[in-house]
Amino acid sequence: MTIYEIKRRSQAKKPYYFDRKTMKFFNQTLKDFWVSKKDGFKNVYVFGAKRPYGETIAYFDAITNDINNDINYLLKEREYNGKNIKTN
């Protein structure tokens, strides 16, 4: 999973997350972002970008194509929809 794929797949639910104006406001480009698989979870990726005042971290759910800064939100959303998020 790459940040470009996350951007493409999340476009319907979060159209402004990677919007040009949003990225410019935060002084970021897609090349600033890193992506890795979230340990212990199915189809959940954590991604982030360094900023001058810290690091932004968010989670992407590859089943619902949703982005959220709170992993608990994704857990509740999947439970509500009857999907198993944990790998164990």
C-alpha atoms as a PDB file:
ATOM      1  CA  MET A   1       0.000   0.000   0.000  1.00  0.00           C
ATOM      2  CA  THR A   2       1.366   3.408  -0.933  1.00  0.00           C
ATOM      3  CA  ILE A   3       0.245   6.896   0.030  1.00  0.00           C
ATOM      4  CA  TYR A   4      -0.863   7.375  -3.589  1.00  0.00           C
ATOM      5  CA  GLU A   5      -3.185   4.360  -3.331  1.00  0.00           C
ATOM      6  CA  ILE A   6      -4.538   5.583   0.014  1.00  0.00           C
ATOM      7  CA  LYS A   7      -5.243   8.975  -1.564  1.00  0.00           C
ATOM      8  CA  ARG A   8      -7.053   7.392  -4.509  1.00  0.00           C
ATOM      9  CA  ARG A   9      -9.111   4.967  -2.424  1.00  0.00           C
ATOM     10  CA  SER A  10     -10.100   7.500   0.267  1.00  0.00           C
ATOM     11  CA  GLN A  11     -11.213  10.159  -2.223  1.00  0.00           C
ATOM     12  CA  ALA A  12     -14.947   9.426  -1.823  1.00  0.00           C
ATOM     13  CA  LYS A  13     -14.994   9.576   1.999  1.00  0.00           C
ATOM     14  CA  LYS A  14     -12.263  12.145   2.655  1.00  0.00           C
ATOM     15  CA  PRO A  15     -11.959  14.288  -0.502  1.00  0.00           C
ATOM     16  CA  TYR A  16     -10.125  17.126   1.255  1.00  0.00           C
ATOM     17  CA  TYR A  17      -7.598  15.019   3.177  1.00  0.00           C
ATOM     18  CA  PHE A  18      -5.045  15.080   0.351  1.00  0.00           C
ATOM     19  CA  ASP A  19      -6.459  18.122  -1.437  1.00  0.00           C
ATOM     20  CA  ARG A  20      -3.882  20.447  -2.988  1.00  0.00           C
ATOM     21  CA  LYS A  21      -4.970  23.385  -0.798  1.00  0.00           C
ATOM     22  CA  THR A  22      -4.896  21.263   2.367  1.00  0.00           C
ATOM     23  CA  MET A  23      -1.444  19.936   1.556  1.00  0.00           C
ATOM     24  CA  LYS A  24      -0.199  23.446   0.785  1.00  0.00           C
ATOM     25  CA  PHE A  25      -1.631  24.773   4.070  1.00  0.00           C
ATOM     26  CA  PHE A  26       0.358  22.126   5.990  1.00  0.00           C
ATOM     27  CA  ASN A  27       3.390  22.653   3.730  1.00  0.00           C
ATOM     28  CA  GLN A  28       3.384  18.981   2.687  1.00  0.00           C
ATOM     29  CA  THR A  29       3.573  16.870  -0.439  1.00  0.00           C
ATOM     30  CA  LEU A  30       2.692  13.207  -0.852  1.00  0.00           C
ATOM     31  CA  LYS A  31       6.419  12.453  -0.891  1.00  0.00           C
ATOM     32  CA  ASP A  32       6.556  13.567   2.759  1.00  0.00           C
ATOM     33  CA  PHE A  33       4.357  10.649   3.839  1.00  0.00           C
ATOM     34  CA  TRP A  34       5.314   7.148   4.972  1.00  0.00           C
ATOM     35  CA  VAL A  35       2.989   4.110   5.148  1.00  0.00           C
ATOM     36  CA  SER A  36       3.210   0.851   7.095  1.00  0.00           C
ATOM     37  CA  LYS A  37       0.906  -2.023   8.033  1.00  0.00           C
ATOM     38  CA  LYS A  38      -0.658  -1.700  11.499  1.00  0.00           C
ATOM     39  CA  ASP A  39       0.510  -4.687  13.549  1.00  0.00           C
ATOM     40  CA  GLY A  40      -2.264  -6.936  14.835  1.00  0.00           C
ATOM     41  CA  PHE A  41      -4.962  -5.632  12.489  1.00  0.00           C
ATOM     42  CA  LYS A  42      -6.348  -6.830   9.155  1.00  0.00           C
ATOM     43  CA  ASN A  43      -6.239  -4.346   6.294  1.00  0.00           C
ATOM     44  CA  VAL A  44      -5.348  -1.364   8.481  1.00  0.00           C
ATOM     45  CA  TYR A  45      -2.431   0.879   7.617  1.00  0.00           C
ATOM     46  CA  VAL A  46      -0.859   3.665   9.595  1.00  0.00           C
ATOM     47  CA  PHE A  47       0.602   6.607   7.718  1.00  0.00           C
ATOM     48  CA  GLY A  48       2.127   9.895   8.603  1.00  0.00           C
ATOM     49  CA  ALA A  49       4.239  12.860   7.661  1.00  0.00           C
ATOM     50  CA  LYS A  50       6.753  14.910   9.541  1.00  0.00           C
ATOM     51  CA  ARG A  51       5.919  18.538  10.193  1.00  0.00           C
ATOM     52  CA  PRO A  52       8.107  21.284  11.591  1.00  0.00           C
ATOM     53  CA  TYR A  53       6.225  21.044  14.900  1.00  0.00           C
ATOM     54  CA  GLY A  54       5.720  17.268  15.072  1.00  0.00           C
ATOM     55  CA  GLU A  55       4.421  14.302  13.162  1.00  0.00           C
ATOM     56  CA  THR A  56       0.953  13.673  11.787  1.00  0.00           C
ATOM     57  CA  ILE A  57      -0.307  10.096  12.128  1.00  0.00           C
ATOM     58  CA  ALA A  58      -3.573   8.663  10.787  1.00  0.00           C
ATOM     59  CA  TYR A  59      -5.043   5.249  10.049  1.00  0.00           C
ATOM     60  CA  PHE A  60      -6.456   3.945   6.777  1.00  0.00           C
ATOM     61  CA  ASP A  61      -8.956   1.084   6.690  1.00  0.00           C
ATOM     62  CA  ALA A  62      -8.511  -0.786   3.394  1.00  0.00           C
ATOM     63  CA  ILE A  63     -11.956  -2.394   3.691  1.00  0.00           C
ATOM     64  CA  THR A  64     -14.036   0.744   4.280  1.00  0.00           C
ATOM     65  CA  ASN A  65     -11.544   3.115   2.549  1.00  0.00           C
ATOM     66  CA  ASP A  66     -11.834   5.479   5.497  1.00  0.00           C
ATOM     67  CA  ILE A  67      -9.165   7.607   7.175  1.00  0.00           C
ATOM     68  CA  ASN A  68      -9.205   8.616  10.801  1.00  0.00           C
ATOM     69  CA  ASN A  69      -6.675   9.824  13.350  1.00  0.00           C
ATOM     70  CA  ASP A  70      -8.273   7.589  15.981  1.00  0.00           C
ATOM     71  CA  ILE A  71      -7.831   3.806  15.627  1.00  0.00           C
ATOM     72  CA  ASN A  72     -10.748   3.307  18.031  1.00  0.00           C
ATOM     73  CA  TYR A  73     -13.065   4.993  15.535  1.00  0.00           C
ATOM     74  CA  LEU A  74     -12.094   2.439  12.886  1.00  0.00           C
ATOM     75  CA  LEU A  75     -12.591  -0.380  15.388  1.00  0.00           C
ATOM     76  CA  LYS A  76     -16.107   0.817  16.212  1.00  0.00           C
ATOM     77  CA  GLU A  77     -16.952   1.397  12.557  1.00  0.00           C
ATOM     78  CA  ARG A  78     -15.933  -2.141  11.611  1.00  0.00           C
ATOM     79  CA  GLU A  79     -17.778  -3.668  14.589  1.00  0.00           C
ATOM     80  CA  TYR A  80     -20.881  -1.721  13.590  1.00  0.00           C
ATOM     81  CA  ASN A  81     -20.618  -3.092  10.049  1.00  0.00           C
ATOM     82  CA  GLY A  82     -19.970  -6.651  11.287  1.00  0.00           C
ATOM     83  CA  LYS A  83     -16.381  -6.862  10.054  1.00  0.00           C
ATOM     84  CA  ASN A  84     -13.502  -8.332  12.050  1.00  0.00           C
ATOM     85  CA  ILE A  85     -10.598  -5.929  12.429  1.00  0.00           C
ATOM     86  CA  LYS A  86      -8.286  -7.927  14.706  1.00  0.00           C
ATOM     87  CA  THR A  87      -6.017 -10.608  13.285  1.00  0.00           C
ATOM     88  CA  ASN A  88      -6.111 -12.705  16.464  1.00  0.00           C
END
